[in-house]
């Protein structure tokens, strides 16, 4: 069990923040290396191993890296990948907020810095226990599940296995909702949107069905299966996305008729969860909407999927459809409210696990 921080005891609690990852550079070779690691994860490409090998090596990797490298180049900064830069700033901010008695490290599920190196740095810092926080607001096996599985796998290689307290998805965490809303309020007030689109990262439908605990089948059986959240669908990624949207719409005081939900980033020909973001845009433009704001609450950190896919490509699509103006609201990134929110979530986890005396 985690112990409370006590300066007299000299105990040190390790904090491991994890994110998906990024290539080392926007060079095609680095992007190919990153995609190979990403697509080798059985929780990402969850098909027959032979089919997975064929898809990865004969269809995706020969062609996708060059296209993805161009996308990364469009958003690359002097600090490197925005995802890595923002994640490092968040890590540094949380370390300052928590103060002594905590060691805070960043580990990426794919690419650098890897989770294994972060765990080793925590071990060398003398961390007797670890709080692991995957930075994905909603749960999916391909993100939160994969990151936690990797953390457990690597921690188990040590002779002395550290106690690990894993924090799950925080789609309903009030501090996350407020931190996201805090960063969006200013730009949205200045922009004056006719409509707000909440665009989430999509998932293949079969991955949602694999997480459905209902013996009779609940997931995707009705158009309104995600309109409310209960015991039967509380672990459903799509239902969590809708719940996050309702919370953010309330925090931003958006009338129900002024917002909608969609899903982006689909890949391949298998059905993904709907509605699709790029197909929703023509419907919005056709309904007379001119000023469109987009929020991406599947991400706590701006990355390729927000800055390039939405901020560049979707913006261009909106302009081609005749839309007058387009706004991409920022993710929490390393904003002071989000830094404090993460630190508070860690403190609460430590306090909950501390023995009462």
Protein backbone atom coordinates (compact mmCIF):
# COMPACT_ATOMS: atom_id res chain seq x y z
CA UNK A 1 0.00 0.00 0.00
CA UNK A 2 1.09 3.57 -0.61
CA UNK A 3 2.25 5.50 2.39
CA UNK A 4 1.51 9.14 3.01
CA UNK A 5 4.39 11.53 2.48
CA UNK A 6 6.24 12.11 5.69
CA UNK A 7 9.46 14.10 5.63
CA UNK A 8 10.69 12.44 8.82
CA UNK A 9 10.31 8.97 7.36
CA UNK A 10 12.20 9.83 4.18
CA UNK A 11 9.71 7.88 2.10
CA UNK A 12 9.49 8.67 -1.60
CA UNK A 13 6.46 8.06 -3.80
CA UNK A 14 7.00 7.69 -7.52
CA UNK A 15 4.57 9.24 -9.97
CA UNK A 16 4.53 7.82 -13.49
CA UNK A 17 2.67 9.87 -16.10
CA UNK A 18 2.23 8.02 -19.38
CA UNK A 19 1.10 9.11 -22.81
CA UNK A 20 0.84 7.37 -26.16
CA UNK A 21 4.10 8.53 -27.68
CA UNK A 22 5.63 10.15 -30.72
CA UNK A 23 8.39 9.51 -33.25
CA UNK A 24 11.81 10.96 -32.47
CA UNK A 25 11.61 13.20 -35.52
CA UNK A 26 9.33 13.77 -38.52
CA UNK A 27 11.75 11.86 -40.74
CA UNK A 28 10.06 8.97 -42.55
CA UNK A 29 12.49 6.44 -41.04
CA UNK A 30 11.69 7.56 -37.48
CA UNK A 31 7.95 7.59 -38.18
CA UNK A 32 8.18 4.08 -39.63
CA UNK A 33 10.02 2.85 -36.53
CA UNK A 34 7.38 4.41 -34.29
CA UNK A 35 4.47 2.99 -36.29
CA UNK A 36 6.05 -0.46 -36.30
CA UNK A 37 6.15 -0.48 -32.49
CA UNK A 38 2.63 0.96 -32.26
CA UNK A 39 1.12 -1.51 -34.71
CA UNK A 40 2.89 -4.46 -33.07
CA UNK A 41 0.76 -3.99 -29.96
CA UNK A 42 -1.92 -6.70 -29.92
CA UNK A 43 -4.29 -4.31 -28.15
CA UNK A 44 -4.04 -1.89 -31.07
CA UNK A 45 -4.09 -4.23 -34.04
CA UNK A 46 -6.21 -6.92 -32.39
CA UNK A 47 -6.60 -9.37 -35.25
CA UNK A 48 -5.20 -12.80 -36.10
CA UNK A 49 -1.37 -12.65 -35.77
CA UNK A 50 -0.86 -13.69 -39.40
CA UNK A 51 -3.34 -11.05 -40.62
CA UNK A 52 -1.69 -8.51 -38.31
CA UNK A 53 1.75 -9.24 -39.81
CA UNK A 54 0.40 -8.92 -43.34
CA UNK A 55 -1.41 -5.66 -42.60
CA UNK A 56 1.55 -4.18 -40.78
CA UNK A 57 4.34 -5.17 -43.15
CA UNK A 58 2.69 -5.34 -46.57
CA UNK A 59 -0.05 -2.71 -46.44
CA UNK A 60 0.57 -0.09 -43.75
CA UNK A 61 4.32 0.29 -43.21
CA UNK A 62 5.34 0.46 -46.89
CA UNK A 63 3.09 3.49 -47.49
CA UNK A 64 1.76 5.11 -44.28
CA UNK A 65 5.05 6.43 -42.79
CA UNK A 66 5.72 8.87 -45.63
CA UNK A 67 2.21 10.35 -45.34
CA UNK A 68 2.38 10.49 -41.54
CA UNK A 69 5.85 12.06 -41.66
CA UNK A 70 4.46 14.92 -43.76
CA UNK A 71 1.70 15.40 -41.19
CA UNK A 72 4.22 15.49 -38.34
CA UNK A 73 6.36 18.03 -40.19
CA UNK A 74 3.35 20.33 -40.40
CA UNK A 75 3.12 20.58 -36.60
CA UNK A 76 6.73 19.98 -35.48
CA UNK A 77 8.14 22.71 -33.24
CA UNK A 78 11.65 23.79 -32.17
CA UNK A 79 11.00 21.73 -29.01
CA UNK A 80 10.11 18.72 -31.13
CA UNK A 81 6.78 16.90 -31.04
CA UNK A 82 4.03 19.00 -29.39
CA UNK A 83 2.83 15.90 -27.53
CA UNK A 84 6.25 15.34 -26.00
CA UNK A 85 6.86 19.03 -25.26
CA UNK A 86 3.51 19.50 -23.52
CA UNK A 87 3.87 16.19 -21.63
CA UNK A 88 7.30 17.22 -20.33
CA UNK A 89 5.95 20.58 -19.19
CA UNK A 90 3.08 18.82 -17.41
CA UNK A 91 5.52 16.43 -15.72
CA UNK A 92 7.71 19.34 -14.53
CA UNK A 93 4.67 21.29 -13.35
CA UNK A 94 3.26 18.35 -11.38
CA UNK A 95 6.66 17.77 -9.77
CA UNK A 96 6.77 21.39 -8.60
CA UNK A 97 3.17 21.25 -7.40
CA UNK A 98 3.69 18.05 -5.37
CA UNK A 99 7.02 19.11 -3.90
CA UNK A 100 9.29 16.96 -1.75
CA UNK A 101 8.50 13.33 -1.11
CA UNK A 102 7.51 12.69 -4.73
CA UNK A 103 9.51 11.77 -7.81
CA UNK A 104 7.66 12.43 -11.07
CA UNK A 105 8.62 10.82 -14.39
CA UNK A 106 7.18 10.68 -17.90
CA UNK A 107 7.04 7.45 -19.91
CA UNK A 108 5.66 6.97 -23.41
CA UNK A 109 3.89 3.75 -24.37
CA UNK A 110 5.65 3.86 -27.74
CA UNK A 111 8.80 5.76 -28.63
CA UNK A 112 10.86 7.87 -26.24
CA UNK A 113 11.13 8.27 -23.33
CA UNK A 114 9.98 4.66 -22.85
CA UNK A 115 8.06 3.49 -19.82
CA UNK A 116 10.90 1.15 -18.84
CA UNK A 117 13.39 4.01 -18.49
CA UNK A 118 10.89 6.02 -16.45
CA UNK A 119 10.38 3.10 -14.07
CA UNK A 120 14.14 2.69 -13.71
CA UNK A 121 14.58 6.38 -12.88
CA UNK A 122 11.89 6.07 -10.21
CA UNK A 123 13.67 3.01 -8.79
CA UNK A 124 16.97 4.87 -8.67
CA UNK A 125 15.24 7.79 -6.98
CA UNK A 126 14.24 5.42 -4.17
CA UNK A 127 10.52 5.31 -4.89
CA UNK A 128 9.00 2.65 -2.64
CA UNK A 129 5.65 2.75 -4.41
CA UNK A 130 4.30 4.19 -7.65
CA UNK A 131 1.14 5.99 -8.69
CA UNK A 132 0.63 5.42 -12.42
CA UNK A 133 -1.57 7.85 -14.35
CA UNK A 134 -2.16 7.16 -18.06
CA UNK A 135 -3.14 10.51 -19.57
CA UNK A 136 -6.15 9.29 -21.57
CA UNK A 137 -9.49 10.76 -20.42
CA UNK A 138 -11.68 7.84 -21.58
CA UNK A 139 -10.81 4.16 -21.22
CA UNK A 140 -9.97 1.91 -24.13
CA UNK A 141 -7.93 -1.27 -24.18
CA UNK A 142 -5.69 0.25 -26.86
CA UNK A 143 -4.69 3.24 -24.71
CA UNK A 144 -5.21 3.01 -20.94
CA UNK A 145 -5.31 -0.79 -21.02
CA UNK A 146 -2.16 -1.11 -23.12
CA UNK A 147 -0.20 1.41 -21.02
CA UNK A 148 -1.11 -0.24 -17.73
CA UNK A 149 -0.35 -3.70 -19.09
CA UNK A 150 3.10 -2.50 -20.15
CA UNK A 151 3.75 -0.89 -16.75
CA UNK A 152 2.84 -4.12 -14.92
CA UNK A 153 4.91 -6.19 -17.34
CA UNK A 154 8.05 -4.10 -16.89
CA UNK A 155 7.65 -3.64 -13.13
CA UNK A 156 7.43 -7.42 -12.74
CA UNK A 157 10.92 -7.87 -14.22
CA UNK A 158 12.48 -6.44 -11.04
CA UNK A 159 13.34 -8.73 -8.16
CA UNK A 160 11.67 -6.28 -5.78
CA UNK A 161 8.41 -5.42 -7.48
CA UNK A 162 7.15 -1.97 -6.43
CA UNK A 163 3.62 -1.44 -5.21
CA UNK A 164 1.70 0.21 -8.05
CA UNK A 165 -1.51 2.16 -7.68
CA UNK A 166 -3.02 2.67 -11.12
CA UNK A 167 -5.37 5.57 -11.74
CA UNK A 168 -7.91 4.79 -14.43
CA UNK A 169 -9.68 6.95 -16.98
CA UNK A 170 -10.81 10.36 -15.73
CA UNK A 171 -13.63 11.14 -18.15
CA UNK A 172 -15.91 12.11 -15.23
CA UNK A 173 -13.24 13.76 -13.05
CA UNK A 174 -14.56 17.27 -12.24
CA UNK A 175 -11.03 18.69 -12.18
CA UNK A 176 -10.38 17.45 -15.73
CA UNK A 177 -13.69 18.88 -16.94
CA UNK A 178 -12.97 22.25 -15.35
CA UNK A 179 -9.37 22.36 -16.62
CA UNK A 180 -10.56 21.61 -20.16
CA UNK A 181 -13.41 24.13 -19.94
CA UNK A 182 -11.08 26.76 -18.46
CA UNK A 183 -8.81 26.61 -21.51
CA UNK A 184 -11.70 26.67 -23.97
CA UNK A 185 -13.80 29.48 -22.49
CA UNK A 186 -11.62 32.39 -23.57
CA UNK A 187 -11.10 31.34 -27.21
CA UNK A 188 -14.77 30.33 -27.58
CA UNK A 189 -16.07 33.58 -26.10
CA UNK A 190 -13.92 35.57 -28.50
CA UNK A 191 -14.81 33.33 -31.46
CA UNK A 192 -18.60 33.24 -31.07
CA UNK A 193 -19.38 29.82 -32.56
CA UNK A 194 -22.66 28.92 -34.22
CA UNK A 195 -22.03 25.29 -33.27
CA UNK A 196 -19.59 23.28 -31.14
CA UNK A 197 -18.45 19.87 -32.36
CA UNK A 198 -16.91 17.50 -29.81
CA UNK A 199 -14.65 15.23 -31.88
CA UNK A 200 -13.24 12.12 -30.18
CA UNK A 201 -10.71 9.58 -31.39
CA UNK A 202 -12.59 6.67 -32.91
CA UNK A 203 -12.26 2.95 -32.26
CA UNK A 204 -13.18 -0.09 -34.35
CA UNK A 205 -16.68 -1.23 -33.40
CA UNK A 206 -15.44 -4.73 -32.59
CA UNK A 207 -13.20 -3.31 -29.83
CA UNK A 208 -16.23 -1.72 -28.20
CA UNK A 209 -18.13 -5.00 -28.43
CA UNK A 210 -15.26 -6.87 -26.75
CA UNK A 211 -15.65 -4.57 -23.74
CA UNK A 212 -19.43 -5.05 -23.46
CA UNK A 213 -20.12 -6.98 -20.22
CA UNK A 214 -23.79 -7.51 -21.01
CA UNK A 215 -24.73 -11.15 -21.50
CA UNK A 216 -27.50 -10.10 -23.88
CA UNK A 217 -25.53 -7.44 -25.71
CA UNK A 218 -26.01 -3.75 -25.11
CA UNK A 219 -23.27 -1.98 -27.02
CA UNK A 220 -24.29 -0.46 -30.39
CA UNK A 221 -27.69 -2.18 -30.37
CA UNK A 222 -29.66 1.11 -30.30
CA UNK A 223 -29.07 4.60 -31.60
CA UNK A 224 -29.35 5.93 -28.04
CA UNK A 225 -27.30 3.25 -26.26
CA UNK A 226 -24.78 5.90 -25.14
CA UNK A 227 -27.26 8.65 -24.27
CA UNK A 228 -27.00 7.83 -20.58
CA UNK A 229 -24.49 6.05 -18.39
CA UNK A 230 -25.25 3.18 -16.03
CA UNK A 231 -23.71 0.00 -14.63
CA UNK A 232 -24.12 -1.86 -17.92
CA UNK A 233 -22.17 0.63 -20.06
CA UNK A 234 -20.04 2.51 -17.55
CA UNK A 235 -16.88 0.99 -19.04
CA UNK A 236 -17.87 1.75 -22.64
CA UNK A 237 -15.50 4.16 -24.39
CA UNK A 238 -18.23 5.68 -26.57
CA UNK A 239 -20.60 6.14 -23.60
CA UNK A 240 -17.80 7.81 -21.64
CA UNK A 241 -17.20 10.19 -24.57
CA UNK A 242 -20.84 11.25 -24.52
CA UNK A 243 -20.73 11.65 -20.73
CA UNK A 244 -17.61 13.85 -21.00
CA UNK A 245 -19.42 15.94 -23.63
CA UNK A 246 -22.47 16.45 -21.43
CA UNK A 247 -20.24 17.56 -18.55
CA UNK A 248 -18.27 19.97 -20.73
CA UNK A 249 -21.42 21.36 -22.34
CA UNK A 250 -22.76 22.09 -18.87
CA UNK A 251 -19.49 23.70 -17.76
CA UNK A 252 -19.41 25.84 -20.92
CA UNK A 253 -23.14 26.63 -20.66
CA UNK A 254 -23.87 25.35 -24.16
CA UNK A 255 -27.54 24.85 -25.14
CA UNK A 256 -28.29 21.30 -26.28
CA UNK A 257 -29.06 22.37 -29.85
CA UNK A 258 -25.65 24.02 -30.24
CA UNK A 259 -23.39 20.99 -29.85
CA UNK A 260 -22.92 17.50 -31.24
CA UNK A 261 -20.51 14.54 -30.99
CA UNK A 262 -18.44 12.77 -33.65
CA UNK A 263 -15.47 10.41 -33.97
CA UNK A 264 -12.28 10.92 -35.98
CA UNK A 265 -9.09 9.10 -37.02
CA UNK A 266 -10.61 5.92 -38.45
CA UNK A 267 -8.28 3.62 -40.36
CA UNK A 268 -9.03 0.75 -42.73
CA UNK A 269 -12.30 -0.62 -44.00
CA UNK A 270 -13.74 -2.19 -40.86
CA UNK A 271 -16.62 -0.27 -39.21
CA UNK A 272 -15.57 2.28 -36.60
CA UNK A 273 -17.82 4.00 -34.08
CA UNK A 274 -19.98 6.72 -35.57
CA UNK A 275 -20.82 9.39 -36.52
CA UNK A 276 -17.60 10.13 -38.41
CA UNK A 277 -16.23 13.64 -37.96
CA UNK A 278 -15.37 14.23 -41.63
CA UNK A 279 -18.87 13.15 -42.68
CA UNK A 280 -20.60 15.31 -40.09
CA UNK A 281 -19.04 18.50 -41.45
CA UNK A 282 -21.05 18.58 -44.72
CA UNK A 283 -24.24 18.12 -42.69
CA UNK A 284 -23.33 21.05 -40.42
CA UNK A 285 -22.41 23.26 -43.36
CA UNK A 286 -25.64 22.31 -45.13
CA UNK A 287 -27.69 23.30 -42.09
CA UNK A 288 -26.52 26.91 -42.32
CA UNK A 289 -23.77 26.82 -39.68
CA UNK A 290 -20.91 29.19 -40.57
CA UNK A 291 -18.74 29.48 -37.47
CA UNK A 292 -17.65 26.09 -36.14
CA UNK A 293 -15.68 25.41 -32.95
CA UNK A 294 -14.17 21.96 -32.36
CA UNK A 295 -13.11 20.47 -29.04
CA UNK A 296 -11.20 17.18 -28.78
CA UNK A 297 -11.74 15.88 -25.22
CA UNK A 298 -10.36 12.40 -25.98
CA UNK A 299 -6.97 14.07 -25.59
CA UNK A 300 -5.54 15.78 -22.52
CA UNK A 301 -2.59 16.87 -24.67
CA UNK A 302 -2.52 18.40 -28.13
CA UNK A 303 -0.94 16.07 -30.65
CA UNK A 304 -1.02 14.97 -34.29
CA UNK A 305 -4.71 14.07 -34.09
CA UNK A 306 -5.72 17.49 -32.80
CA UNK A 307 -3.23 19.91 -34.35
CA UNK A 308 -2.89 18.33 -37.80
CA UNK A 309 -5.97 16.18 -38.36
CA UNK A 310 -8.40 18.74 -36.92
CA UNK A 311 -6.48 22.01 -36.91
CA UNK A 312 -5.23 21.69 -40.50
CA UNK A 313 -7.13 19.06 -42.48
CA UNK A 314 -10.58 19.48 -40.95
CA UNK A 315 -10.20 23.26 -41.05
CA UNK A 316 -9.43 23.00 -44.78
CA UNK A 317 -12.46 20.77 -45.31
CA UNK A 318 -14.66 23.30 -43.51
CA UNK A 319 -13.34 26.12 -45.68
CA UNK A 320 -13.92 24.05 -48.83
CA UNK A 321 -17.52 23.53 -47.69
CA UNK A 322 -17.99 27.29 -47.50
CA UNK A 323 -17.72 27.69 -43.72
CA UNK A 324 -16.81 31.21 -42.66
CA UNK A 325 -14.65 30.48 -39.60
CA UNK A 326 -13.16 27.55 -37.71
CA UNK A 327 -11.77 27.28 -34.17
CA UNK A 328 -9.83 24.41 -32.59
CA UNK A 329 -9.95 24.87 -28.83
CA UNK A 330 -6.78 23.81 -27.01
CA UNK A 331 -6.43 20.71 -24.85
CA UNK A 332 -5.44 21.25 -21.19
CA UNK A 333 -1.80 20.45 -22.06
CA UNK A 334 0.26 21.86 -19.17
CA UNK A 335 -2.07 24.68 -18.11
CA UNK A 336 -1.95 25.61 -14.41
CA UNK A 337 -5.47 24.25 -13.75
CA UNK A 338 -4.54 20.90 -15.32
CA UNK A 339 -1.22 20.74 -13.45
CA UNK A 340 -3.10 21.30 -10.19
CA UNK A 341 -5.78 18.77 -11.20
CA UNK A 342 -3.22 16.02 -11.87
CA UNK A 343 -1.41 16.78 -8.62
CA UNK A 344 -4.69 16.66 -6.70
CA UNK A 345 -5.63 13.32 -8.28
CA UNK A 346 -2.27 11.95 -7.18
CA UNK A 347 -2.66 13.29 -3.64
CA UNK A 348 -6.12 11.75 -3.36
CA UNK A 349 -4.80 8.38 -4.56
CA UNK A 350 -2.00 8.49 -2.00
CA UNK A 351 -4.36 9.50 0.80
CA UNK A 352 -6.83 6.74 -0.11
CA UNK A 353 -4.10 4.09 0.06
CA UNK A 354 -2.35 5.38 3.16
CA UNK A 355 -2.83 3.28 6.32
CA UNK A 356 -4.91 5.06 8.93
CA UNK A 357 -3.26 5.47 12.28
